[in-house]
Amino acid sequence: MYERIEGEAGFQELRRRFRSWAFPMTAAFFAWYLLYVVLSGWARDLMGVKLFGNINVALVLGLLQFVSTFWIAWAYSRYAERRLDPLAAEIRREAGHEKETA
């Protein structure tokens, strides 16, 4: 039964929707993280620039790593609620109905 469900158009659409959001967002986050690491290693003067008080560019960018992580989690939950969950519920409903009739 699972092989049949996996081959259906609804399931393939679910996978496409998930991948169309998850892969680009993952690549963007890794690029953002790599930028921070590269700047920390090779642009020490830039990262050491004080913005105000003892707060420098490196600290702000480091804290923005956490902010971006939480933003991505929040954005994914909204995306999944609107675009993935309804389709997944439909697939589950159809699979459950088929199970009852078998």
PDB file of N, CA and C in Angstrom:
ATOM      1  N   MET A   1       0.821  -1.187   0.000  1.00  0.00           N
ATOM      2  CA  MET A   1       0.000   0.000   0.000  1.00  0.00           C
ATOM      3  C   MET A   1       0.872   1.260   0.000  1.00  0.00           C
ATOM      4  N   TYR A   2       1.954   1.259   0.778  1.00  0.00           N
ATOM      5  CA  TYR A   2       2.781   2.459   0.864  1.00  0.00           C
ATOM      6  C   TYR A   2       3.466   2.781  -0.459  1.00  0.00           C
ATOM      7  N   GLU A   3       3.866   1.751  -1.193  1.00  0.00           N
ATOM      8  CA  GLU A   3       4.488   1.984  -2.494  1.00  0.00           C
ATOM      9  C   GLU A   3       3.496   2.628  -3.458  1.00  0.00           C
ATOM     10  N   ARG A   4       2.230   2.214  -3.381  1.00  0.00           N
ATOM     11  CA  ARG A   4       1.208   2.791  -4.246  1.00  0.00           C
ATOM     12  C   ARG A   4       0.975   4.257  -3.886  1.00  0.00           C
ATOM     13  N   ILE A   5       0.872   4.544  -2.594  1.00  0.00           N
ATOM     14  CA  ILE A   5       0.659   5.928  -2.145  1.00  0.00           C
ATOM     15  C   ILE A   5       1.829   6.803  -2.574  1.00  0.00           C
ATOM     16  N   GLU A   6       3.031   6.287  -2.441  1.00  0.00           N
ATOM     17  CA  GLU A   6       4.215   7.053  -2.811  1.00  0.00           C
ATOM     18  C   GLU A   6       4.211   7.413  -4.302  1.00  0.00           C
ATOM     19  N   GLY A   7       3.621   6.577  -5.118  1.00  0.00           N
ATOM     20  CA  GLY A   7       3.578   6.837  -6.552  1.00  0.00           C
ATOM     21  C   GLY A   7       2.441   7.735  -6.996  1.00  0.00           C
ATOM     22  N   GLU A   8       1.508   8.047  -6.123  1.00  0.00           N
ATOM     23  CA  GLU A   8       0.358   8.874  -6.498  1.00  0.00           C
ATOM     24  C   GLU A   8       0.739  10.344  -6.657  1.00  0.00           C
ATOM     25  N   ALA A   9      -0.049  11.031  -7.462  1.00  0.00           N
ATOM     26  CA  ALA A   9       0.220  12.440  -7.774  1.00  0.00           C
ATOM     27  C   ALA A   9       0.170  13.329  -6.527  1.00  0.00           C
ATOM     28  N   GLY A  10      -0.760  13.059  -5.615  1.00  0.00           N
ATOM     29  CA  GLY A  10      -0.870  13.879  -4.409  1.00  0.00           C
ATOM     30  C   GLY A  10       0.376  13.800  -3.553  1.00  0.00           C
ATOM     31  N   PHE A  11       0.914  12.604  -3.410  1.00  0.00           N
ATOM     32  CA  PHE A  11       2.123  12.433  -2.604  1.00  0.00           C
ATOM     33  C   PHE A  11       3.319  13.083  -3.288  1.00  0.00           C
ATOM     34  N   GLN A  12       3.400  12.932  -4.589  1.00  0.00           N
ATOM     35  CA  GLN A  12       4.495  13.563  -5.335  1.00  0.00           C
ATOM     36  C   GLN A  12       4.416  15.082  -5.226  1.00  0.00           C
ATOM     37  N   GLU A  13       3.200  15.621  -5.237  1.00  0.00           N
ATOM     38  CA  GLU A  13       3.020  17.066  -5.065  1.00  0.00           C
ATOM     39  C   GLU A  13       3.447  17.499  -3.668  1.00  0.00           C
ATOM     40  N   LEU A  14       3.120  16.703  -2.666  1.00  0.00           N
ATOM     41  CA  LEU A  14       3.543  16.996  -1.293  1.00  0.00           C
ATOM     42  C   LEU A  14       5.058  17.049  -1.204  1.00  0.00           C
ATOM     43  N   ARG A  15       5.718  16.081  -1.789  1.00  0.00           N
ATOM     44  CA  ARG A  15       7.186  16.059  -1.781  1.00  0.00           C
ATOM     45  C   ARG A  15       7.748  17.270  -2.527  1.00  0.00           C
ATOM     46  N   ARG A  16       7.145  17.614  -3.663  1.00  0.00           N
ATOM     47  CA  ARG A  16       7.619  18.764  -4.436  1.00  0.00           C
ATOM     48  C   ARG A  16       7.485  20.053  -3.636  1.00  0.00           C
ATOM     49  N   ARG A  17       6.341  20.218  -2.977  1.00  0.00           N
ATOM     50  CA  ARG A  17       6.126  21.424  -2.165  1.00  0.00           C
ATOM     51  C   ARG A  17       7.134  21.507  -1.019  1.00  0.00           C
ATOM     52  N   PHE A  18       7.360  20.381  -0.356  1.00  0.00           N
ATOM     53  CA  PHE A  18       8.318  20.372   0.748  1.00  0.00           C
ATOM     54  C   PHE A  18       9.711  20.735   0.247  1.00  0.00           C
ATOM     55  N   ARG A  19      10.139  20.079  -0.812  1.00  0.00           N
ATOM     56  CA  ARG A  19      11.483  20.322  -1.334  1.00  0.00           C
ATOM     57  C   ARG A  19      11.650  21.732  -1.875  1.00  0.00           C
ATOM     58  N   SER A  20      10.597  22.281  -2.478  1.00  0.00           N
ATOM     59  CA  SER A  20      10.712  23.623  -3.048  1.00  0.00           C
ATOM     60  C   SER A  20      10.895  24.682  -1.963  1.00  0.00           C
ATOM     61  N   TRP A  21      10.534  24.365  -0.738  1.00  0.00           N
ATOM     62  CA  TRP A  21      10.752  25.298   0.371  1.00  0.00           C
ATOM     63  C   TRP A  21      12.007  24.933   1.152  1.00  0.00           C
ATOM     64  N   ALA A  22      12.151  23.656   1.479  1.00  0.00           N
ATOM     65  CA  ALA A  22      13.226  23.237   2.377  1.00  0.00           C
ATOM     66  C   ALA A  22      14.615  23.361   1.748  1.00  0.00           C
ATOM     67  N   PHE A  23      14.774  22.958   0.507  1.00  0.00           N
ATOM     68  CA  PHE A  23      16.107  22.985  -0.090  1.00  0.00           C
ATOM     69  C   PHE A  23      16.643  24.404  -0.266  1.00  0.00           C
ATOM     70  N   PRO A  24      15.875  25.331  -0.844  1.00  0.00           N
ATOM     71  CA  PRO A  24      16.410  26.701  -0.966  1.00  0.00           C
ATOM     72  C   PRO A  24      16.658  27.364   0.393  1.00  0.00           C
ATOM     73  N   MET A  25      15.766  27.120   1.351  1.00  0.00           N
ATOM     74  CA  MET A  25      15.953  27.731   2.668  1.00  0.00           C
ATOM     75  C   MET A  25      17.186  27.161   3.372  1.00  0.00           C
ATOM     76  N   THR A  26      17.407  25.868   3.221  1.00  0.00           N
ATOM     77  CA  THR A  26      18.594  25.247   3.808  1.00  0.00           C
ATOM     78  C   THR A  26      19.854  25.813   3.167  1.00  0.00           C
ATOM     79  N   ALA A  27      19.856  25.929   1.846  1.00  0.00           N
ATOM     80  CA  ALA A  27      21.018  26.488   1.150  1.00  0.00           C
ATOM     81  C   ALA A  27      21.267  27.936   1.578  1.00  0.00           C
ATOM     82  N   ALA A  28      20.204  28.717   1.708  1.00  0.00           N
ATOM     83  CA  ALA A  28      20.355  30.116   2.135  1.00  0.00           C
ATOM     84  C   ALA A  28      20.918  30.196   3.550  1.00  0.00           C
ATOM     85  N   PHE A  29      20.432  29.334   4.446  1.00  0.00           N
ATOM     86  CA  PHE A  29      20.932  29.373   5.818  1.00  0.00           C
ATOM     87  C   PHE A  29      22.396  28.967   5.869  1.00  0.00           C
ATOM     88  N   PHE A  30      22.772  27.913   5.139  1.00  0.00           N
ATOM     89  CA  PHE A  30      24.177  27.493   5.145  1.00  0.00           C
ATOM     90  C   PHE A  30      25.073  28.579   4.559  1.00  0.00           C
ATOM     91  N   ALA A  31      24.603  29.271   3.518  1.00  0.00           N
ATOM     92  CA  ALA A  31      25.383  30.368   2.936  1.00  0.00           C
ATOM     93  C   ALA A  31      25.561  31.493   3.958  1.00  0.00           C
ATOM     94  N   TRP A  32      24.507  31.817   4.668  1.00  0.00           N
ATOM     95  CA  TRP A  32      24.540  32.858   5.700  1.00  0.00           C
ATOM     96  C   TRP A  32      25.496  32.454   6.816  1.00  0.00           C
ATOM     97  N   TYR A  33      25.432  31.191   7.241  1.00  0.00           N
ATOM     98  CA  TYR A  33      26.327  30.702   8.287  1.00  0.00           C
ATOM     99  C   TYR A  33      27.778  30.722   7.802  1.00  0.00           C
ATOM    100  N   LEU A  34      28.021  30.265   6.578  1.00  0.00           N
ATOM    101  CA  LEU A  34      29.370  30.248   6.018  1.00  0.00           C
ATOM    102  C   LEU A  34      29.913  31.664   5.904  1.00  0.00           C
ATOM    103  N   LEU A  35      29.075  32.610   5.523  1.00  0.00           N
ATOM    104  CA  LEU A  35      29.505  34.006   5.466  1.00  0.00           C
ATOM    105  C   LEU A  35      30.003  34.468   6.829  1.00  0.00           C
ATOM    106  N   TYR A  36      29.276  34.123   7.877  1.00  0.00           N
ATOM    107  CA  TYR A  36      29.685  34.502   9.231  1.00  0.00           C
ATOM    108  C   TYR A  36      31.029  33.883   9.581  1.00  0.00           C
ATOM    109  N   VAL A  37      31.217  32.604   9.274  1.00  0.00           N
ATOM    110  CA  VAL A  37      32.474  31.926   9.573  1.00  0.00           C
ATOM    111  C   VAL A  37      33.624  32.535   8.781  1.00  0.00           C
ATOM    112  N   VAL A  38      33.390  32.782   7.494  1.00  0.00           N
ATOM    113  CA  VAL A  38      34.442  33.360   6.646  1.00  0.00           C
ATOM    114  C   VAL A  38      34.811  34.757   7.142  1.00  0.00           C
ATOM    115  N   LEU A  39      33.825  35.568   7.429  1.00  0.00           N
ATOM    116  CA  LEU A  39      34.111  36.911   7.946  1.00  0.00           C
ATOM    117  C   LEU A  39      34.858  36.842   9.274  1.00  0.00           C
ATOM    118  N   SER A  40      34.507  35.900  10.116  1.00  0.00           N
ATOM    119  CA  SER A  40      35.186  35.761  11.401  1.00  0.00           C
ATOM    120  C   SER A  40      36.647  35.370  11.229  1.00  0.00           C
ATOM    121  N   GLY A  41      36.916  34.574  10.199  1.00  0.00           N
ATOM    122  CA  GLY A  41      38.286  34.115   9.990  1.00  0.00           C
ATOM    123  C   GLY A  41      39.145  35.064   9.181  1.00  0.00           C
ATOM    124  N   TRP A  42      38.546  35.747   8.189  1.00  0.00           N
ATOM    125  CA  TRP A  42      39.364  36.523   7.262  1.00  0.00           C
ATOM    126  C   TRP A  42      39.043  38.014   7.235  1.00  0.00           C
ATOM    127  N   ALA A  43      38.047  38.454   7.939  1.00  0.00           N
ATOM    128  CA  ALA A  43      37.736  39.889   7.971  1.00  0.00           C
ATOM    129  C   ALA A  43      37.648  40.345   9.423  1.00  0.00           C
ATOM    130  N   ARG A  44      38.717  40.065  10.146  1.00  0.00           N
ATOM    131  CA  ARG A  44      38.709  40.376  11.579  1.00  0.00           C
ATOM    132  C   ARG A  44      38.537  41.868  11.854  1.00  0.00           C
ATOM    133  N   ASP A  45      39.104  42.686  11.015  1.00  0.00           N
ATOM    134  CA  ASP A  45      38.957  44.134  11.223  1.00  0.00           C
ATOM    135  C   ASP A  45      37.502  44.558  11.106  1.00  0.00           C
ATOM    136  N   LEU A  46      36.813  44.051  10.087  1.00  0.00           N
ATOM    137  CA  LEU A  46      35.394  44.358   9.915  1.00  0.00           C
ATOM    138  C   LEU A  46      34.580  43.831  11.093  1.00  0.00           C
ATOM    139  N   MET A  47      34.837  42.597  11.493  1.00  0.00           N
ATOM    140  CA  MET A  47      34.065  41.993  12.583  1.00  0.00           C
ATOM    141  C   MET A  47      34.330  42.694  13.918  1.00  0.00           C
ATOM    142  N   GLY A  48      35.477  43.334  14.039  1.00  0.00           N
ATOM    143  CA  GLY A  48      35.824  44.017  15.280  1.00  0.00           C
ATOM    144  C   GLY A  48      35.320  45.442  15.379  1.00  0.00           C
ATOM    145  N   VAL A  49      34.698  45.946  14.335  1.00  0.00           N
ATOM    146  CA  VAL A  49      34.193  47.327  14.351  1.00  0.00           C
ATOM    147  C   VAL A  49      33.123  47.448  15.434  1.00  0.00           C
ATOM    148  N   LYS A  50      33.327  48.409  16.328  1.00  0.00           N
ATOM    149  CA  LYS A  50      32.356  48.630  17.407  1.00  0.00           C
ATOM    150  C   LYS A  50      31.195  49.463  16.875  1.00  0.00           C
ATOM    151  N   LEU A  51      30.001  48.951  17.115  1.00  0.00           N
ATOM    152  CA  LEU A  51      28.803  49.652  16.666  1.00  0.00           C
ATOM    153  C   LEU A  51      28.320  50.624  17.723  1.00  0.00           C
ATOM    154  N   PHE A  52      28.289  50.169  18.968  1.00  0.00           N
ATOM    155  CA  PHE A  52      27.973  51.033  20.104  1.00  0.00           C
ATOM    156  C   PHE A  52      28.432  50.321  21.368  1.00  0.00           C
ATOM    157  N   GLY A  53      29.046  51.074  22.258  1.00  0.00           N
ATOM    158  CA  GLY A  53      29.580  50.482  23.485  1.00  0.00           C
ATOM    159  C   GLY A  53      30.567  49.370  23.149  1.00  0.00           C
ATOM    160  N   ASN A  54      30.388  48.210  23.790  1.00  0.00           N
ATOM    161  CA  ASN A  54      31.237  47.056  23.519  1.00  0.00           C
ATOM    162  C   ASN A  54      30.604  46.090  22.519  1.00  0.00           C
ATOM    163  N   ILE A  55      29.583  46.519  21.829  1.00  0.00           N
ATOM    164  CA  ILE A  55      28.884  45.687  20.845  1.00  0.00           C
ATOM    165  C   ILE A  55      29.554  45.896  19.482  1.00  0.00           C
ATOM    166  N   ASN A  56      30.084  44.801  18.933  1.00  0.00           N
ATOM    167  CA  ASN A  56      30.737  44.907  17.633  1.00  0.00           C
ATOM    168  C   ASN A  56      29.960  44.129  16.570  1.00  0.00           C
ATOM    169  N   VAL A  57      30.425  44.218  15.325  1.00  0.00           N
ATOM    170  CA  VAL A  57      29.755  43.576  14.194  1.00  0.00           C
ATOM    171  C   VAL A  57      29.664  42.069  14.405  1.00  0.00           C
ATOM    172  N   ALA A  58      30.722  41.453  14.911  1.00  0.00           N
ATOM    173  CA  ALA A  58      30.728  39.992  15.119  1.00  0.00           C
ATOM    174  C   ALA A  58      29.631  39.565  16.081  1.00  0.00           C
ATOM    175  N   LEU A  59      29.451  40.287  17.163  1.00  0.00           N
ATOM    176  CA  LEU A  59      28.410  39.938  18.128  1.00  0.00           C
ATOM    177  C   LEU A  59      27.022  40.076  17.514  1.00  0.00           C
ATOM    178  N   VAL A  60      26.806  41.151  16.791  1.00  0.00           N
ATOM    179  CA  VAL A  60      25.497  41.365  16.167  1.00  0.00           C
ATOM    180  C   VAL A  60      25.213  40.266  15.148  1.00  0.00           C
ATOM    181  N   LEU A  61      26.179  39.951  14.284  1.00  0.00           N
ATOM    182  CA  LEU A  61      25.969  38.905  13.291  1.00  0.00           C
ATOM    183  C   LEU A  61      25.782  37.534  13.956  1.00  0.00           C
ATOM    184  N   GLY A  62      26.513  37.295  15.036  1.00  0.00           N
ATOM    185  CA  GLY A  62      26.348  36.036  15.772  1.00  0.00           C
ATOM    186  C   GLY A  62      24.951  35.902  16.358  1.00  0.00           C
ATOM    187  N   LEU A  63      24.449  36.973  16.933  1.00  0.00           N
ATOM    188  CA  LEU A  63      23.092  36.940  17.477  1.00  0.00           C
ATOM    189  C   LEU A  63      22.051  36.814  16.369  1.00  0.00           C
ATOM    190  N   LEU A  64      22.335  37.401  15.220  1.00  0.00           N
ATOM    191  CA  LEU A  64      21.416  37.276  14.090  1.00  0.00           C
ATOM    192  C   LEU A  64      21.350  35.835  13.574  1.00  0.00           C
ATOM    193  N   GLN A  65      22.381  35.040  13.830  1.00  0.00           N
ATOM    194  CA  GLN A  65      22.322  33.620  13.485  1.00  0.00           C
ATOM    195  C   GLN A  65      21.178  32.944  14.253  1.00  0.00           C
ATOM    196  N   PHE A  66      21.065  33.264  15.529  1.00  0.00           N
ATOM    197  CA  PHE A  66      19.976  32.709  16.340  1.00  0.00           C
ATOM    198  C   PHE A  66      18.623  33.227  15.864  1.00  0.00           C
ATOM    199  N   VAL A  67      18.554  34.505  15.594  1.00  0.00           N
ATOM    200  CA  VAL A  67      17.303  35.108  15.129  1.00  0.00           C
ATOM    201  C   VAL A  67      16.862  34.454  13.820  1.00  0.00           C
ATOM    202  N   SER A  68      17.796  34.263  12.904  1.00  0.00           N
ATOM    203  CA  SER A  68      17.436  33.666  11.618  1.00  0.00           C
ATOM    204  C   SER A  68      16.997  32.220  11.788  1.00  0.00           C
ATOM    205  N   THR A  69      17.589  31.500  12.719  1.00  0.00           N
ATOM    206  CA  THR A  69      17.170  30.118  12.980  1.00  0.00           C
ATOM    207  C   THR A  69      15.725  30.071  13.456  1.00  0.00           C
ATOM    208  N   PHE A  70      15.380  30.920  14.396  1.00  0.00           N
ATOM    209  CA  PHE A  70      14.007  30.949  14.892  1.00  0.00           C
ATOM    210  C   PHE A  70      13.038  31.445  13.824  1.00  0.00           C
ATOM    211  N   TRP A  71      13.478  32.412  13.007  1.00  0.00           N
ATOM    212  CA  TRP A  71      12.619  32.891  11.930  1.00  0.00           C
ATOM    213  C   TRP A  71      12.340  31.781  10.924  1.00  0.00           C
ATOM    214  N   ILE A  72      13.352  31.017  10.567  1.00  0.00           N
ATOM    215  CA  ILE A  72      13.167  29.918   9.615  1.00  0.00           C
ATOM    216  C   ILE A  72      12.187  28.893  10.171  1.00  0.00           C
ATOM    217  N   ALA A  73      12.326  28.556  11.448  1.00  0.00           N
ATOM    218  CA  ALA A  73      11.399  27.600  12.067  1.00  0.00           C
ATOM    219  C   ALA A  73       9.970  28.138  12.039  1.00  0.00           C
ATOM    220  N   TRP A  74       9.793  29.396  12.364  1.00  0.00           N
ATOM    221  CA  TRP A  74       8.469  30.009  12.350  1.00  0.00           C
ATOM    222  C   TRP A  74       7.904  30.042  10.928  1.00  0.00           C
ATOM    223  N   ALA A  75       8.735  30.459   9.967  1.00  0.00           N
ATOM    224  CA  ALA A  75       8.278  30.547   8.579  1.00  0.00           C
ATOM    225  C   ALA A  75       7.915  29.171   8.038  1.00  0.00           C
ATOM    226  N   TYR A  76       8.690  28.156   8.401  1.00  0.00           N
ATOM    227  CA  TYR A  76       8.369  26.807   7.940  1.00  0.00           C
ATOM    228  C   TYR A  76       7.045  26.329   8.524  1.00  0.00           C
ATOM    229  N   SER A  77       6.807  26.608   9.798  1.00  0.00           N
ATOM    230  CA  SER A  77       5.551  26.165  10.403  1.00  0.00           C
ATOM    231  C   SER A  77       4.353  26.829   9.713  1.00  0.00           C
ATOM    232  N   ARG A  78       4.496  28.093   9.346  1.00  0.00           N
ATOM    233  CA  ARG A  78       3.419  28.767   8.607  1.00  0.00           C
ATOM    234  C   ARG A  78       3.250  28.175   7.217  1.00  0.00           C
ATOM    235  N   TYR A  79       4.354  27.921   6.537  1.00  0.00           N
ATOM    236  CA  TYR A  79       4.301  27.337   5.200  1.00  0.00           C
ATOM    237  C   TYR A  79       3.670  25.952   5.256  1.00  0.00           C
ATOM    238  N   ALA A  80       4.103  25.151   6.202  1.00  0.00           N
ATOM    239  CA  ALA A  80       3.566  23.791   6.319  1.00  0.00           C
ATOM    240  C   ALA A  80       2.078  23.823   6.632  1.00  0.00           C
ATOM    241  N   GLU A  81       1.676  24.724   7.497  1.00  0.00           N
ATOM    242  CA  GLU A  81       0.256  24.825   7.858  1.00  0.00           C
ATOM    243  C   GLU A  81      -0.617  25.157   6.649  1.00  0.00           C
ATOM    244  N   ARG A  82      -0.106  26.025   5.788  1.00  0.00           N
ATOM    245  CA  ARG A  82      -0.893  26.448   4.617  1.00  0.00           C
ATOM    246  C   ARG A  82      -0.754  25.509   3.427  1.00  0.00           C
ATOM    247  N   ARG A  83       0.461  25.025   3.142  1.00  0.00           N
ATOM    248  CA  ARG A  83       0.714  24.325   1.881  1.00  0.00           C
ATOM    249  C   ARG A  83       0.939  22.822   2.012  1.00  0.00           C
ATOM    250  N   LEU A  84       1.404  22.357   3.168  1.00  0.00           N
ATOM    251  CA  LEU A  84       1.725  20.935   3.305  1.00  0.00           C
ATOM    252  C   LEU A  84       0.675  20.153   4.091  1.00  0.00           C
ATOM    253  N   ASP A  85       0.265  20.686   5.214  1.00  0.00           N
ATOM    254  CA  ASP A  85      -0.646  19.960   6.096  1.00  0.00           C
ATOM    255  C   ASP A  85      -1.979  19.594   5.445  1.00  0.00           C
ATOM    256  N   PRO A  86      -2.619  20.506   4.696  1.00  0.00           N
ATOM    257  CA  PRO A  86      -3.892  20.109   4.068  1.00  0.00           C
ATOM    258  C   PRO A  86      -3.720  18.941   3.085  1.00  0.00           C
ATOM    259  N   LEU A  87      -2.672  18.970   2.311  1.00  0.00           N
ATOM    260  CA  LEU A  87      -2.429  17.891   1.354  1.00  0.00           C
ATOM    261  C   LEU A  87      -2.071  16.588   2.076  1.00  0.00           C
ATOM    262  N   ALA A  88      -1.271  16.680   3.125  1.00  0.00           N
ATOM    263  CA  ALA A  88      -0.917  15.486   3.901  1.00  0.00           C
ATOM    264  C   ALA A  88      -2.163  14.888   4.565  1.00  0.00           C
ATOM    265  N   ALA A  89      -3.054  15.735   5.050  1.00  0.00           N
ATOM    266  CA  ALA A  89      -4.287  15.239   5.666  1.00  0.00           C
ATOM    267  C   ALA A  89      -5.157  14.525   4.638  1.00  0.00           C
ATOM    268  N   GLU A  90      -5.203  15.069   3.430  1.00  0.00           N
ATOM    269  CA  GLU A  90      -5.974  14.422   2.375  1.00  0.00           C
ATOM    270  C   GLU A  90      -5.386  13.050   2.033  1.00  0.00           C
ATOM    271  N   ILE A  91      -4.079  12.971   1.941  1.00  0.00           N
ATOM    272  CA  ILE A  91      -3.425  11.687   1.649  1.00  0.00           C
ATOM    273  C   ILE A  91      -3.693  10.689   2.769  1.00  0.00           C
ATOM    274  N   ARG A  92      -3.585  11.143   4.017  1.00  0.00           N
ATOM    275  CA  ARG A  92      -3.880  10.255   5.159  1.00  0.00           C
ATOM    276  C   ARG A  92      -5.331   9.792   5.134  1.00  0.00           C
ATOM    277  N   ARG A  93      -6.226  10.709   4.820  1.00  0.00           N
ATOM    278  CA  ARG A  93      -7.647  10.373   4.778  1.00  0.00           C
ATOM    279  C   ARG A  93      -7.908   9.307   3.706  1.00  0.00           C
ATOM    280  N   GLU A  94      -7.333   9.500   2.529  1.00  0.00           N
ATOM    281  CA  GLU A  94      -7.512   8.517   1.453  1.00  0.00           C
ATOM    282  C   GLU A  94      -6.891   7.174   1.821  1.00  0.00           C
ATOM    283  N   ALA A  95      -5.737   7.191   2.450  1.00  0.00           N
ATOM    284  CA  ALA A  95      -5.079   5.940   2.847  1.00  0.00           C
ATOM    285  C   ALA A  95      -5.894   5.235   3.929  1.00  0.00           C
ATOM    286  N   GLY A  96      -6.450   5.993   4.861  1.00  0.00           N
ATOM    287  CA  GLY A  96      -7.273   5.406   5.907  1.00  0.00           C
ATOM    288  C   GLY A  96      -8.549   4.821   5.362  1.00  0.00           C
ATOM    289  N   HIS A  97      -9.158   5.505   4.394  1.00  0.00           N
ATOM    290  CA  HIS A  97     -10.378   5.022   3.771  1.00  0.00           C
ATOM    291  C   HIS A  97     -10.094   3.728   3.014  1.00  0.00           C
ATOM    292  N   GLU A  98      -8.973   3.694   2.322  1.00  0.00           N
ATOM    293  CA  GLU A  98      -8.613   2.497   1.565  1.00  0.00           C
ATOM    294  C   GLU A  98      -8.351   1.330   2.510  1.00  0.00           C
ATOM    295  N   LYS A  99      -7.744   1.628   3.653  1.00  0.00           N
ATOM    296  CA  LYS A  99      -7.445   0.576   4.639  1.00  0.00           C
ATOM    297  C   LYS A  99      -8.729  -0.042   5.175  1.00  0.00           C
ATOM    298  N   GLU A 100      -9.746   0.814   5.396  1.00  0.00           N
ATOM    299  CA  GLU A 100     -11.021   0.320   5.919  1.00  0.00           C
ATOM    300  C   GLU A 100     -11.730  -0.587   4.917  1.00  0.00           C
ATOM    301  N   THR A 101     -11.610  -0.272   3.634  1.00  0.00           N
ATOM    302  CA  THR A 101     -12.305  -1.057   2.623  1.00  0.00           C
ATOM    303  C   THR A 101     -11.563  -2.324   2.244  1.00  0.00           C
ATOM    304  N   ALA A 102     -10.291  -2.421   2.598  1.00  0.00           N
ATOM    305  CA  ALA A 102      -9.488  -3.599   2.218  1.00  0.00           C
ATOM    306  C   ALA A 102      -9.728  -4.773   3.133  1.00  0.00           C
TER     307      ALA A 102
END
